[in-house]
C-alpha atoms as a PDB file:
ATOM      1  CA  MET A   1       0.000   0.000   0.000  1.00  0.00           C
ATOM      2  CA  PHE A   2       2.764   2.431   0.995  1.00  0.00           C
ATOM      3  CA  THR A   3       4.725   1.590  -2.172  1.00  0.00           C
ATOM      4  CA  ASN A   4       1.653   2.279  -4.328  1.00  0.00           C
ATOM      5  CA  LEU A   5       1.214   5.666  -2.669  1.00  0.00           C
ATOM      6  CA  LYS A   6       4.882   6.506  -3.266  1.00  0.00           C
ATOM      7  CA  ARG A   7       4.564   5.491  -6.903  1.00  0.00           C
ATOM      8  CA  LYS A   8       1.436   7.650  -7.403  1.00  0.00           C
ATOM      9  CA  ALA A   9       3.112  10.595  -5.730  1.00  0.00           C
ATOM     10  CA  PHE A  10       6.132  10.187  -7.997  1.00  0.00           C
ATOM     11  CA  GLN A  11       3.951  10.021 -11.097  1.00  0.00           C
ATOM     12  CA  GLN A  12       2.312  13.288 -10.071  1.00  0.00           C
ATOM     13  CA  PHE A  13       5.767  14.754  -9.483  1.00  0.00           C
ATOM     14  CA  THR A  14       6.870  13.814 -13.022  1.00  0.00           C
ATOM     15  CA  LYS A  15       3.748  15.446 -14.479  1.00  0.00           C
ATOM     16  CA  THR A  16       4.483  18.661 -12.590  1.00  0.00           C
ATOM     17  CA  GLU A  17       8.167  18.626 -13.571  1.00  0.00           C
ATOM     18  CA  THR A  18       7.268  18.029 -17.205  1.00  0.00           C
ATOM     19  CA  LYS A  19       4.828  20.940 -17.210  1.00  0.00           C
ATOM     20  CA  ARG A  20       7.359  23.275 -15.606  1.00  0.00           C
ATOM     21  CA  HIS A  21      10.313  21.907 -17.675  1.00  0.00           C
ATOM     22  CA  GLY A  22      12.860  23.898 -15.717  1.00  0.00           C
ATOM     23  CA  LEU A  23      16.325  23.625 -17.294  1.00  0.00           C
ATOM     24  CA  ASN A  24      18.795  22.224 -14.753  1.00  0.00           C
ATOM     25  CA  TYR A  25      21.535  20.743 -16.947  1.00  0.00           C
ATOM     26  CA  LEU A  26      22.768  22.043 -20.279  1.00  0.00           C
ATOM     27  CA  PHE A  27      25.226  19.850 -22.160  1.00  0.00           C
ATOM     28  CA  TRP A  28      27.598  21.684 -24.476  1.00  0.00           C
ATOM     29  CA  GLU A  29      29.113  19.430 -27.126  1.00  0.00           C
ATOM     30  CA  CYS A  30      32.047  21.795 -27.407  1.00  0.00           C
ATOM     31  CA  THR A  31      34.090  19.520 -29.679  1.00  0.00           C
ATOM     32  CA  SER A  32      33.593  16.352 -31.674  1.00  0.00           C
ATOM     33  CA  ARG A  33      37.337  15.674 -31.746  1.00  0.00           C
ATOM     34  CA  CYS A  34      38.578  12.768 -29.648  1.00  0.00           C
ATOM     35  CA  ASN A  35      41.985  11.297 -28.815  1.00  0.00           C
ATOM     36  CA  LEU A  36      40.596   7.756 -28.549  1.00  0.00           C
ATOM     37  CA  ASN A  37      38.753   5.424 -30.883  1.00  0.00           C
ATOM     38  CA  CYS A  38      36.478   3.603 -28.420  1.00  0.00           C
ATOM     39  CA  LEU A  39      34.607   0.530 -29.590  1.00  0.00           C
ATOM     40  CA  HIS A  40      31.295   1.671 -28.092  1.00  0.00           C
ATOM     41  CA  CYS A  41      31.214   5.368 -29.026  1.00  0.00           C
ATOM     42  CA  GLY A  42      27.620   6.415 -29.632  1.00  0.00           C
ATOM     43  CA  SER A  43      28.689   9.672 -31.277  1.00  0.00           C
ATOM     44  CA  ASP A  44      31.302   8.041 -33.531  1.00  0.00           C
ATOM     45  CA  CYS A  45      33.806  10.788 -32.683  1.00  0.00           C
ATOM     46  CA  SER A  46      37.288  10.804 -34.198  1.00  0.00           C
ATOM     47  CA  LYS A  47      40.541  12.758 -34.321  1.00  0.00           C
ATOM     48  CA  GLN A  48      39.598  13.978 -37.803  1.00  0.00           C
ATOM     49  CA  SER A  49      36.237  15.509 -36.978  1.00  0.00           C
ATOM     50  CA  SER A  50      34.357  17.144 -39.820  1.00  0.00           C
ATOM     51  CA  HIS A  51      33.099  19.863 -37.458  1.00  0.00           C
ATOM     52  CA  PRO A  52      35.359  22.574 -36.054  1.00  0.00           C
ATOM     53  CA  ASP A  53      35.118  23.257 -32.332  1.00  0.00           C
ATOM     54  CA  MET A  54      32.242  25.608 -31.535  1.00  0.00           C
ATOM     55  CA  PRO A  55      33.526  29.107 -30.721  1.00  0.00           C
ATOM     56  CA  LEU A  56      32.978  29.992 -27.073  1.00  0.00           C
ATOM     57  CA  THR A  57      31.192  33.228 -27.947  1.00  0.00           C
ATOM     58  CA  ASP A  58      28.602  31.326 -30.003  1.00  0.00           C
ATOM     59  CA  PHE A  59      27.713  29.133 -27.054  1.00  0.00           C
ATOM     60  CA  LEU A  60      27.678  32.058 -24.622  1.00  0.00           C
ATOM     61  CA  ASN A  61      25.292  33.958 -26.881  1.00  0.00           C
ATOM     62  CA  ALA A  62      22.866  31.034 -26.682  1.00  0.00           C
ATOM     63  CA  LEU A  63      23.390  30.631 -22.935  1.00  0.00           C
ATOM     64  CA  ASP A  64      22.668  34.310 -22.318  1.00  0.00           C
ATOM     65  CA  THR A  65      19.149  33.916 -23.738  1.00  0.00           C
ATOM     66  CA  ILE A  66      18.146  31.479 -20.979  1.00  0.00           C
ATOM     67  CA  GLU A  67      15.768  33.066 -18.489  1.00  0.00           C
ATOM     68  CA  ASN A  68      14.991  31.948 -14.944  1.00  0.00           C
ATOM     69  CA  LYS A  69      17.796  29.435 -14.604  1.00  0.00           C
ATOM     70  CA  ALA A  70      17.276  26.832 -11.876  1.00  0.00           C
ATOM     71  CA  PRO A  71      19.184  27.482  -8.615  1.00  0.00           C
ATOM     72  CA  HIS A  72      21.460  24.519  -9.331  1.00  0.00           C
ATOM     73  CA  PHE A  73      21.755  25.094 -13.080  1.00  0.00           C
ATOM     74  CA  MET A  74      24.932  23.579 -14.536  1.00  0.00           C
ATOM     75  CA  VAL A  75      26.667  23.516 -17.903  1.00  0.00           C
ATOM     76  CA  VAL A  76      28.339  20.190 -18.698  1.00  0.00           C
ATOM     77  CA  LEU A  77      31.214  20.347 -21.170  1.00  0.00           C
ATOM     78  CA  THR A  78      31.305  17.198 -23.243  1.00  0.00           C
ATOM     79  CA  GLY A  79      32.389  15.944 -26.647  1.00  0.00           C
ATOM     80  CA  GLY A  80      34.311  14.207 -28.122  1.00  0.00           C
ATOM     81  CA  GLU A  81      36.984  14.874 -25.544  1.00  0.00           C
ATOM     82  CA  PRO A  82      36.580  18.419 -24.145  1.00  0.00           C
ATOM     83  CA  LEU A  83      40.156  18.602 -22.841  1.00  0.00           C
ATOM     84  CA  LEU A  84      41.387  18.691 -26.439  1.00  0.00           C
ATOM     85  CA  ARG A  85      40.242  22.304 -26.402  1.00  0.00           C
ATOM     86  CA  GLU A  86      43.077  24.491 -25.184  1.00  0.00           C
ATOM     87  CA  ASP A  87      40.598  27.152 -24.048  1.00  0.00           C
ATOM     88  CA  ILE A  88      38.573  24.994 -21.608  1.00  0.00           C
ATOM     89  CA  GLU A  89      39.764  27.060 -18.650  1.00  0.00           C
ATOM     90  CA  LEU A  90      38.707  30.254 -20.447  1.00  0.00           C
ATOM     91  CA  CYS A  91      35.314  28.669 -21.115  1.00  0.00           C
ATOM     92  CA  GLY A  92      34.990  27.837 -17.441  1.00  0.00           C
ATOM     93  CA  ARG A  93      35.931  31.313 -16.267  1.00  0.00           C
ATOM     94  CA  GLU A  94      33.404  32.904 -18.619  1.00  0.00           C
ATOM     95  CA  LEU A  95      30.705  30.621 -17.244  1.00  0.00           C
ATOM     96  CA  ARG A  96      31.618  31.498 -13.660  1.00  0.00           C
ATOM     97  CA  LYS A  97      31.460  35.211 -14.531  1.00  0.00           C
ATOM     98  CA  ARG A  98      27.810  34.567 -15.373  1.00  0.00           C
ATOM     99  CA  GLY A  99      27.253  32.778 -12.068  1.00  0.00           C
ATOM    100  CA  VAL A 100      26.940  29.436 -13.861  1.00  0.00           C
ATOM    101  CA  ARG A 101      28.372  26.231 -12.425  1.00  0.00           C
ATOM    102  CA  TRP A 102      30.186  23.950 -14.849  1.00  0.00           C
ATOM    103  CA  SER A 103      31.581  20.434 -15.104  1.00  0.00           C
ATOM    104  CA  ILE A 104      33.425  18.169 -17.520  1.00  0.00           C
ATOM    105  CA  VAL A 105      33.010  14.596 -18.732  1.00  0.00           C
ATOM    106  CA  THR A 106      36.427  13.245 -19.750  1.00  0.00           C
ATOM    107  CA  ASN A 107      38.184  10.046 -20.789  1.00  0.00           C
ATOM    108  CA  GLY A 108      41.110  11.096 -18.594  1.00  0.00           C
ATOM    109  CA  MET A 109      43.821  10.840 -21.256  1.00  0.00           C
ATOM    110  CA  LEU A 110      44.868  14.496 -20.872  1.00  0.00           C
ATOM    111  CA  TYR A 111      44.012  14.887 -17.195  1.00  0.00           C
ATOM    112  CA  ASN A 112      47.355  15.464 -15.460  1.00  0.00           C
ATOM    113  CA  ALA A 113      48.326  17.398 -12.326  1.00  0.00           C
ATOM    114  CA  GLU A 114      48.831  20.682 -14.195  1.00  0.00           C
ATOM    115  CA  ARG A 115      45.440  20.442 -15.924  1.00  0.00           C
ATOM    116  CA  HIS A 116      43.756  19.355 -12.688  1.00  0.00           C
ATOM    117  CA  ASN A 117      44.913  22.503 -10.899  1.00  0.00           C
ATOM    118  CA  SER A 118      44.141  24.839 -13.799  1.00  0.00           C
ATOM    119  CA  LEU A 119      40.597  23.465 -14.134  1.00  0.00           C
ATOM    120  CA  LEU A 120      39.958  23.865 -10.416  1.00  0.00           C
ATOM    121  CA  ASN A 121      41.308  27.420 -10.541  1.00  0.00           C
ATOM    122  CA  ALA A 122      38.933  28.122 -13.428  1.00  0.00           C
ATOM    123  CA  GLY A 123      35.993  27.122 -11.224  1.00  0.00           C
ATOM    124  CA  MET A 124      35.276  23.543 -12.250  1.00  0.00           C
ATOM    125  CA  GLY A 125      32.824  22.215  -9.678  1.00  0.00           C
ATOM    126  CA  ALA A 126      32.131  18.695 -10.906  1.00  0.00           C
ATOM    127  CA  LEU A 127      33.951  16.061 -12.904  1.00  0.00           C
ATOM    128  CA  THR A 128      33.088  12.687 -14.399  1.00  0.00           C
ATOM    129  CA  ILE A 129      35.856  10.295 -15.464  1.00  0.00           C
ATOM    130  CA  SER A 130      35.229   7.141 -17.486  1.00  0.00           C
ATOM    131  CA  LEU A 131      36.666   3.841 -16.259  1.00  0.00           C
ATOM    132  CA  ASP A 132      35.528   0.724 -18.082  1.00  0.00           C
ATOM    133  CA  GLY A 133      37.113  -2.154 -16.230  1.00  0.00           C
ATOM    134  CA  LEU A 134      40.467  -3.348 -15.013  1.00  0.00           C
ATOM    135  CA  GLU A 135      43.492  -2.651 -17.188  1.00  0.00           C
ATOM    136  CA  LYS A 136      42.951  -5.273 -19.908  1.00  0.00           C
ATOM    137  CA  SER A 137      39.194  -4.819 -20.324  1.00  0.00           C
ATOM    138  CA  HIS A 138      39.360  -1.030 -20.063  1.00  0.00           C
ATOM    139  CA  ASN A 139      42.087  -0.743 -22.676  1.00  0.00           C
ATOM    140  CA  TRP A 140      40.195  -3.147 -24.933  1.00  0.00           C
ATOM    141  CA  LEU A 141      37.056  -1.017 -24.926  1.00  0.00           C
ATOM    142  CA  ARG A 142      38.992   2.223 -25.226  1.00  0.00           C
ATOM    143  CA  ASN A 143      41.111   0.756 -28.026  1.00  0.00           C
ATOM    144  CA  SER A 144      44.308   2.004 -26.400  1.00  0.00           C
ATOM    145  CA  THR A 145      47.222   0.423 -24.519  1.00  0.00           C
ATOM    146  CA  GLU A 146      47.802   3.637 -22.538  1.00  0.00           C
ATOM    147  CA  SER A 147      44.300   4.543 -21.440  1.00  0.00           C
ATOM    148  CA  PHE A 148      44.064   2.671 -18.121  1.00  0.00           C
ATOM    149  CA  ASN A 149      47.262   4.159 -16.699  1.00  0.00           C
ATOM    150  CA  LYS A 150      46.161   7.655 -17.707  1.00  0.00           C
ATOM    151  CA  VAL A 151      42.722   7.158 -16.137  1.00  0.00           C
ATOM    152  CA  ASP A 152      44.243   5.677 -12.990  1.00  0.00           C
ATOM    153  CA  ASN A 153      46.289   8.844 -12.508  1.00  0.00           C
ATOM    154  CA  ALA A 154      43.302  11.066 -13.300  1.00  0.00           C
ATOM    155  CA  ILE A 155      41.163   9.303 -10.691  1.00  0.00           C
ATOM    156  CA  THR A 156      43.883   9.747  -8.066  1.00  0.00           C
ATOM    157  CA  LEU A 157      44.012  13.480  -8.750  1.00  0.00           C
ATOM    158  CA  ALA A 158      40.236  13.946  -8.818  1.00  0.00           C
ATOM    159  CA  ALA A 159      39.659  11.957  -5.629  1.00  0.00           C
ATOM    160  CA  SER A 160      42.190  14.148  -3.807  1.00  0.00           C
ATOM    161  CA  ALA A 161      40.170  17.338  -4.376  1.00  0.00           C
ATOM    162  CA  ARG A 162      37.678  17.506  -1.517  1.00  0.00           C
ATOM    163  CA  ARG A 163      35.575  20.345  -2.912  1.00  0.00           C
ATOM    164  CA  LEU A 164      35.163  18.642  -6.301  1.00  0.00           C
ATOM    165  CA  ASN A 165      31.915  16.784  -6.942  1.00  0.00           C
ATOM    166  CA  PHE A 166      33.534  13.796  -8.608  1.00  0.00           C
ATOM    167  CA  ASP A 167      32.246  10.475  -9.856  1.00  0.00           C
ATOM    168  CA  VAL A 168      33.410   7.577 -11.997  1.00  0.00           C
ATOM    169  CA  VAL A 169      31.190   6.237 -14.746  1.00  0.00           C
ATOM    170  CA  SER A 170      31.604   2.722 -16.128  1.00  0.00           C
ATOM    171  CA  CYS A 171      30.263   1.131 -19.275  1.00  0.00           C
ATOM    172  CA  ILE A 172      29.379  -2.475 -18.407  1.00  0.00           C
ATOM    173  CA  ASN A 173      29.790  -5.019 -21.189  1.00  0.00           C
ATOM    174  CA  LYS A 174      30.672  -8.664 -21.722  1.00  0.00           C
ATOM    175  CA  GLN A 175      34.377  -8.053 -21.135  1.00  0.00           C
ATOM    176  CA  ASN A 176      34.048  -6.513 -17.659  1.00  0.00           C
ATOM    177  CA  ILE A 177      30.800  -7.960 -16.245  1.00  0.00           C
ATOM    178  CA  ASP A 178      32.810 -10.550 -14.286  1.00  0.00           C
ATOM    179  CA  GLU A 179      35.110  -7.860 -12.839  1.00  0.00           C
ATOM    180  CA  LEU A 180      32.500  -5.829 -11.004  1.00  0.00           C
ATOM    181  CA  ASN A 181      33.653  -6.754  -7.502  1.00  0.00           C
ATOM    182  CA  GLU A 182      37.294  -6.160  -8.422  1.00  0.00           C
ATOM    183  CA  ILE A 183      36.490  -2.762  -9.939  1.00  0.00           C
ATOM    184  CA  TYR A 184      34.514  -1.912  -6.790  1.00  0.00           C
ATOM    185  CA  SER A 185      37.506  -2.801  -4.594  1.00  0.00           C
ATOM    186  CA  TYR A 186      39.827  -0.777  -6.821  1.00  0.00           C
ATOM    187  CA  LEU A 187      37.586   2.302  -6.537  1.00  0.00           C
ATOM    188  CA  CYS A 188      37.353   1.936  -2.767  1.00  0.00           C
ATOM    189  CA  LYS A 189      41.153   1.933  -2.554  1.00  0.00           C
ATOM    190  CA  LYS A 190      41.256   5.031  -4.750  1.00  0.00           C
ATOM    191  CA  ASN A 191      38.877   6.782  -2.322  1.00  0.00           C
ATOM    192  CA  VAL A 192      36.204   7.276  -4.978  1.00  0.00           C
ATOM    193  CA  LYS A 193      32.878   8.243  -3.393  1.00  0.00           C
ATOM    194  CA  ALA A 194      30.433   7.842  -6.307  1.00  0.00           C
ATOM    195  CA  TRP A 195      30.203   5.268  -9.108  1.00  0.00           C
ATOM    196  CA  ARG A 196      27.601   5.209 -11.908  1.00  0.00           C
ATOM    197  CA  LEU A 197      27.202   2.170 -14.098  1.00  0.00           C
ATOM    198  CA  PHE A 198      25.498   2.015 -17.477  1.00  0.00           C
ATOM    199  CA  THR A 199      25.058  -0.393 -20.357  1.00  0.00           C
ATOM    200  CA  ILE A 200      25.686  -0.014 -24.069  1.00  0.00           C
ATOM    201  CA  ALA A 201      22.883   0.709 -26.501  1.00  0.00           C
ATOM    202  CA  PRO A 202      23.199  -0.648 -30.053  1.00  0.00           C
ATOM    203  CA  ILE A 203      23.916   2.742 -31.603  1.00  0.00           C
ATOM    204  CA  GLY A 204      26.996   4.301 -33.197  1.00  0.00           C
ATOM    205  CA  ARG A 205      29.974   1.939 -33.299  1.00  0.00           C
ATOM    206  CA  ALA A 206      28.251  -0.499 -30.935  1.00  0.00           C
ATOM    207  CA  LYS A 207      25.357  -1.150 -33.300  1.00  0.00           C
ATOM    208  CA  ASN A 208      26.692  -4.430 -34.701  1.00  0.00           C
ATOM    209  CA  ASN A 209      29.202  -5.465 -32.019  1.00  0.00           C
ATOM    210  CA  SER A 210      27.779  -8.390 -30.043  1.00  0.00           C
ATOM    211  CA  LYS A 211      30.777  -8.362 -27.667  1.00  0.00           C
ATOM    212  CA  LEU A 212      29.468  -5.142 -26.126  1.00  0.00           C
ATOM    213  CA  LEU A 213      25.834  -5.963 -25.389  1.00  0.00           C
ATOM    214  CA  LEU A 214      24.801  -7.768 -22.203  1.00  0.00           C
ATOM    215  CA  SER A 215      22.670 -10.901 -22.237  1.00  0.00           C
ATOM    216  CA  ASN A 216      19.533 -11.213 -20.097  1.00  0.00           C
ATOM    217  CA  ASP A 217      21.452 -13.089 -17.388  1.00  0.00           C
ATOM    218  CA  GLU A 218      24.295 -10.562 -17.454  1.00  0.00           C
ATOM    219  CA  MET A 219      21.819  -7.714 -17.053  1.00  0.00           C
ATOM    220  CA  LYS A 220      20.430  -9.435 -13.960  1.00  0.00           C
ATOM    221  CA  THR A 221      23.976  -9.903 -12.670  1.00  0.00           C
ATOM    222  CA  LEU A 222      24.597  -6.181 -13.034  1.00  0.00           C
ATOM    223  CA  PHE A 223      21.393  -5.169 -11.246  1.00  0.00           C
ATOM    224  CA  ASN A 224      21.927  -7.687  -8.448  1.00  0.00           C
ATOM    225  CA  PHE A 225      25.462  -6.384  -7.964  1.00  0.00           C
ATOM    226  CA  ILE A 226      24.294  -2.768  -7.721  1.00  0.00           C
ATOM    227  CA  SER A 227      21.457  -3.707  -5.363  1.00  0.00           C
ATOM    228  CA  GLU A 228      23.858  -5.526  -3.059  1.00  0.00           C
ATOM    229  CA  LYS A 229      26.510  -2.802  -2.994  1.00  0.00           C
ATOM    230  CA  ARG A 230      23.932  -0.108  -2.224  1.00  0.00           C
ATOM    231  CA  LYS A 231      23.356  -1.781   1.147  1.00  0.00           C
ATOM    232  CA  ASN A 232      26.594  -0.308   2.481  1.00  0.00           C
ATOM    233  CA  ASN A 233      28.040   3.198   2.374  1.00  0.00           C
ATOM    234  CA  GLU A 234      31.555   2.643   1.046  1.00  0.00           C
ATOM    235  CA  ILE A 235      30.651   4.101  -2.364  1.00  0.00           C
ATOM    236  CA  ASP A 236      27.451   5.641  -3.683  1.00  0.00           C
ATOM    237  CA  VAL A 237      26.822   3.015  -6.381  1.00  0.00           C
ATOM    238  CA  LYS A 238      23.904   3.466  -8.768  1.00  0.00           C
ATOM    239  CA  PHE A 239      22.624   2.506 -12.167  1.00  0.00           C
ATOM    240  CA  SER A 240      22.540   5.440 -14.561  1.00  0.00           C
ATOM    241  CA  CYS A 241      19.371   7.232 -15.627  1.00  0.00           C
ATOM    242  CA  GLU A 242      19.356   5.355 -18.932  1.00  0.00           C
ATOM    243  CA  ALA A 243      16.338   3.077 -18.557  1.00  0.00           C
ATOM    244  CA  TYR A 244      13.409   1.736 -16.559  1.00  0.00           C
ATOM    245  CA  THR A 245      14.484  -1.375 -14.639  1.00  0.00           C
ATOM    246  CA  GLY A 246      11.208  -3.099 -13.695  1.00  0.00           C
ATOM    247  CA  LYS A 247      11.351  -4.893 -10.364  1.00  0.00           C
ATOM    248  CA  TYR A 248      14.763  -3.357  -9.619  1.00  0.00           C
ATOM    249  CA  GLU A 249      13.409   0.193  -9.451  1.00  0.00           C
ATOM    250  CA  THR A 250      14.578   1.921  -6.215  1.00  0.00           C
ATOM    251  CA  TYR A 251      17.054  -0.938  -5.625  1.00  0.00           C
ATOM    252  CA  VAL A 252      19.575   0.278  -8.214  1.00  0.00           C
ATOM    253  CA  ARG A 253      19.132   4.053  -7.926  1.00  0.00           C
ATOM    254  CA  ASP A 254      17.845   6.631  -5.453  1.00  0.00           C
ATOM    255  CA  SER A 255      14.357   6.943  -6.877  1.00  0.00           C
ATOM    256  CA  TYR A 256      12.028   5.716  -9.620  1.00  0.00           C
ATOM    257  CA  PHE A 257      13.062   6.040 -13.247  1.00  0.00           C
ATOM    258  CA  PHE A 258      12.293   9.355 -14.907  1.00  0.00           C
ATOM    259  CA  CYS A 259      13.831  10.314 -18.256  1.00  0.00           C
ATOM    260  CA  ARG A 260      14.511  14.032 -17.832  1.00  0.00           C
ATOM    261  CA  ALA A 261      15.796  14.561 -21.385  1.00  0.00           C
ATOM    262  CA  GLY A 262      14.047  17.615 -22.779  1.00  0.00           C
ATOM    263  CA  ILE A 263      12.366  18.175 -19.421  1.00  0.00           C
ATOM    264  CA  ASN A 264      15.252  19.261 -17.203  1.00  0.00           C
ATOM    265  CA  ILE A 265      18.138  18.447 -19.553  1.00  0.00           C
ATOM    266  CA  GLY A 266      19.027  20.230 -22.780  1.00  0.00           C
ATOM    267  CA  SER A 267      22.031  20.393 -25.073  1.00  0.00           C
ATOM    268  CA  VAL A 268      23.772  22.517 -27.639  1.00  0.00           C
ATOM    269  CA  LEU A 269      25.406  20.168 -30.145  1.00  0.00           C
ATOM    270  CA  ILE A 270      28.583  20.745 -32.128  1.00  0.00           C
ATOM    271  CA  ASP A 271      26.762  22.208 -35.153  1.00  0.00           C
ATOM    272  CA  GLY A 272      24.545  24.441 -33.008  1.00  0.00           C
ATOM    273  CA  SER A 273      21.606  22.045 -32.923  1.00  0.00           C
ATOM    274  CA  ILE A 274      19.364  22.313 -29.867  1.00  0.00           C
ATOM    275  CA  SER A 275      18.371  18.991 -28.322  1.00  0.00           C
ATOM    276  CA  ALA A 276      18.482  17.102 -25.007  1.00  0.00           C
ATOM    277  CA  CYS A 277      21.133  14.492 -24.081  1.00  0.00           C
ATOM    278  CA  PRO A 278      23.849  14.356 -26.777  1.00  0.00           C
ATOM    279  CA  ASN A 279      23.409  10.582 -27.306  1.00  0.00           C
ATOM    280  CA  ILE A 280      19.791  10.975 -28.436  1.00  0.00           C
ATOM    281  CA  ASP A 281      19.060  10.443 -32.119  1.00  0.00           C
ATOM    282  CA  ARG A 282      19.670  13.663 -34.072  1.00  0.00           C
ATOM    283  CA  SER A 283      16.196  13.458 -35.615  1.00  0.00           C
ATOM    284  CA  PHE A 284      14.936  14.832 -32.275  1.00  0.00           C
ATOM    285  CA  VAL A 285      16.740  18.170 -32.789  1.00  0.00           C
ATOM    286  CA  GLN A 286      14.375  21.054 -31.980  1.00  0.00           C
ATOM    287  CA  GLY A 287      16.188  24.034 -33.467  1.00  0.00           C
ATOM    288  CA  ASN A 288      19.615  25.627 -33.922  1.00  0.00           C
ATOM    289  CA  ILE A 289      21.314  28.431 -32.004  1.00  0.00           C
ATOM    290  CA  TYR A 290      22.451  30.008 -35.287  1.00  0.00           C
ATOM    291  CA  ALA A 291      18.848  30.503 -36.363  1.00  0.00           C
ATOM    292  CA  ASP A 292      16.769  30.359 -33.177  1.00  0.00           C
ATOM    293  CA  ASN A 293      16.602  31.807 -29.696  1.00  0.00           C
ATOM    294  CA  PHE A 294      17.537  28.977 -27.325  1.00  0.00           C
ATOM    295  CA  ASN A 295      15.167  30.076 -24.577  1.00  0.00           C
ATOM    296  CA  SER A 296      12.212  30.252 -26.973  1.00  0.00           C
ATOM    297  CA  ILE A 297      12.961  26.794 -28.355  1.00  0.00           C
ATOM    298  CA  TRP A 298      13.210  25.364 -24.835  1.00  0.00           C
ATOM    299  CA  ASP A 299       9.882  26.880 -23.800  1.00  0.00           C
ATOM    300  CA  GLU A 300       7.881  26.332 -26.984  1.00  0.00           C
ATOM    301  CA  ARG A 301       9.122  23.068 -28.506  1.00  0.00           C
ATOM    302  CA  PHE A 302      10.446  19.719 -27.163  1.00  0.00           C
ATOM    303  CA  GLN A 303       6.989  18.155 -27.504  1.00  0.00           C
ATOM    304  CA  PRO A 304       8.407  14.672 -28.377  1.00  0.00           C
ATOM    305  CA  PHE A 305      10.239  14.708 -25.033  1.00  0.00           C
ATOM    306  CA  ARG A 306       7.363  16.018 -22.934  1.00  0.00           C
ATOM    307  CA  GLU A 307       4.464  14.193 -24.583  1.00  0.00           C
ATOM    308  CA  ARG A 308       5.616  10.591 -24.766  1.00  0.00           C
ATOM    309  CA  GLN A 309       2.487   8.868 -26.084  1.00  0.00           C
ATOM    310  CA  TRP A 310       4.207   8.375 -29.444  1.00  0.00           C
ATOM    311  CA  THR A 311       6.408   5.744 -27.745  1.00  0.00           C
ATOM    312  CA  LYS A 312       3.366   3.544 -27.168  1.00  0.00           C
ATOM    313  CA  THR A 313       4.194   1.378 -30.154  1.00  0.00           C
ATOM    314  CA  GLY A 314       5.562  -2.119 -30.701  1.00  0.00           C
ATOM    315  CA  LYS A 315       6.151  -3.952 -27.429  1.00  0.00           C
ATOM    316  CA  CYS A 316       5.585  -0.724 -25.484  1.00  0.00           C
ATOM    317  CA  ALA A 317       1.972  -0.608 -26.727  1.00  0.00           C
ATOM    318  CA  ILE A 318       1.068  -3.753 -24.804  1.00  0.00           C
ATOM    319  CA  CYS A 319       3.351  -3.336 -21.783  1.00  0.00           C
ATOM    320  CA  SER A 320       1.598  -3.326 -18.393  1.00  0.00           C
ATOM    321  CA  ASP A 321       4.368  -1.083 -17.008  1.00  0.00           C
ATOM    322  CA  TYR A 322       4.034   1.643 -19.621  1.00  0.00           C
ATOM    323  CA  LYS A 323       2.658   4.230 -17.163  1.00  0.00           C
ATOM    324  CA  LYS A 324       5.768   3.763 -15.026  1.00  0.00           C
ATOM    325  CA  CYS A 325       8.215   3.656 -17.929  1.00  0.00           C
ATOM    326  CA  LYS A 326       6.813   5.978 -20.661  1.00  0.00           C
ATOM    327  CA  GLY A 327       9.038   4.350 -23.244  1.00  0.00           C
ATOM    328  CA  SER A 328      12.185   4.284 -21.079  1.00  0.00           C
ATOM    329  CA  GLY A 329      15.207   6.394 -22.110  1.00  0.00           C
ATOM    330  CA  MET A 330      14.927   8.712 -25.109  1.00  0.00           C
ATOM    331  CA  HIS A 331      18.308   7.529 -26.425  1.00  0.00           C
ATOM    332  CA  LEU A 332      16.756   4.089 -26.988  1.00  0.00           C
ATOM    333  CA  TRP A 333      14.554   5.397 -29.827  1.00  0.00           C
ATOM    334  CA  HIS A 334      16.351   5.529 -33.166  1.00  0.00           C
ATOM    335  CA  GLY A 335      15.575   5.033 -36.834  1.00  0.00           C
ATOM    336  CA  ASP A 336      11.878   4.786 -37.670  1.00  0.00           C
ATOM    337  CA  LYS A 337      11.056   4.650 -33.921  1.00  0.00           C
ATOM    338  CA  SER A 338       8.563   1.814 -34.388  1.00  0.00           C
ATOM    339  CA  GLU A 339      10.241  -0.207 -31.629  1.00  0.00           C
ATOM    340  CA  ILE A 340      12.461   0.544 -28.655  1.00  0.00           C
ATOM    341  CA  LEU A 341      16.059  -0.620 -29.219  1.00  0.00           C
ATOM    342  CA  VAL A 342      16.417  -2.310 -25.815  1.00  0.00           C
ATOM    343  CA  CYS A 343      13.937  -2.946 -23.004  1.00  0.00           C
ATOM    344  CA  HIS A 344      15.873  -3.460 -19.773  1.00  0.00           C
ATOM    345  CA  ALA A 345      12.753  -4.465 -17.840  1.00  0.00           C
ATOM    346  CA  GLU A 346      11.968  -7.138 -20.418  1.00  0.00           C
ATOM    347  CA  MET A 347      15.524  -8.483 -20.247  1.00  0.00           C
ATOM    348  CA  ILE A 348      15.439  -9.016 -16.490  1.00  0.00           C
ATOM    349  CA  SER A 349      11.919 -10.503 -16.507  1.00  0.00           C
ATOM    350  CA  TYR A 350      13.049 -13.686 -18.252  1.00  0.00           C
ATOM    351  CA  LYS A 351      13.386 -16.743 -16.016  1.00  0.00           C
END
């Protein structure tokens, strides 16, 4: 009875949040260049990107149109690899001049002691570093023999900064699913306080790579691991916001699933396109900063994100959990959108 009341209250909360659609997080895809060639890249970034880095002034012009920013509004610099930009510190200082908090998502390859200090001095308040297994499995996924050692050093530096809101994010796949306890122990020794785990969607380079996608049993293994580790307080372990998890809801994260893409989360992509999370299919683009006012687009468009009935198709049309799920994560709808790419709840419901 109590659980049903909590669920109803949360559903009402999501309706209110959707109606208000206050912008809390704005991703800036500031570069599509990358110094790695990862096997799972959803954006298919490369060293020879066809798009030049977006000029800082262009992004700031779009940012300055945003009215009534949320109290905890944050700009997240992403890519590609944002640290390939030599002006990241300048970007950060300009954001802080506007009273805006900012963070970076990085693969750690360029994160050394000098860069660590310069980013902190430029006002970086949060940082996410990718670690995808122990040395062999991490380097395999990242397609680099040097990556693990670079990330190991980056994690040491980040964990030493007490005022930095820092977490590690890990992409769980067939090569590292059996290492979860060892990775957990490694992170504990590194004094990491927060660890987010996610799975790979069949998009980008991962579309036809069966070595990356978890089986039904492996998905259960992942959720059981997270559920177990959340019983203690060594590390704040959680499953990412990527998908509805059926019976594991509230066991693998702090609350019920709610895809906030286009509701509280927006993005400015490398070509100026206005969308939500950068991994979402580009057909969902709502406008462009070079032709539109960002604030107007945020307020007046984004209907596919805020009115999700269109996802009630294929297996979602007959799913008894649809009211709880609403089609799961927006990044799982690609192509003709007649069927969700992956249903996590369906995967873990098999005997």
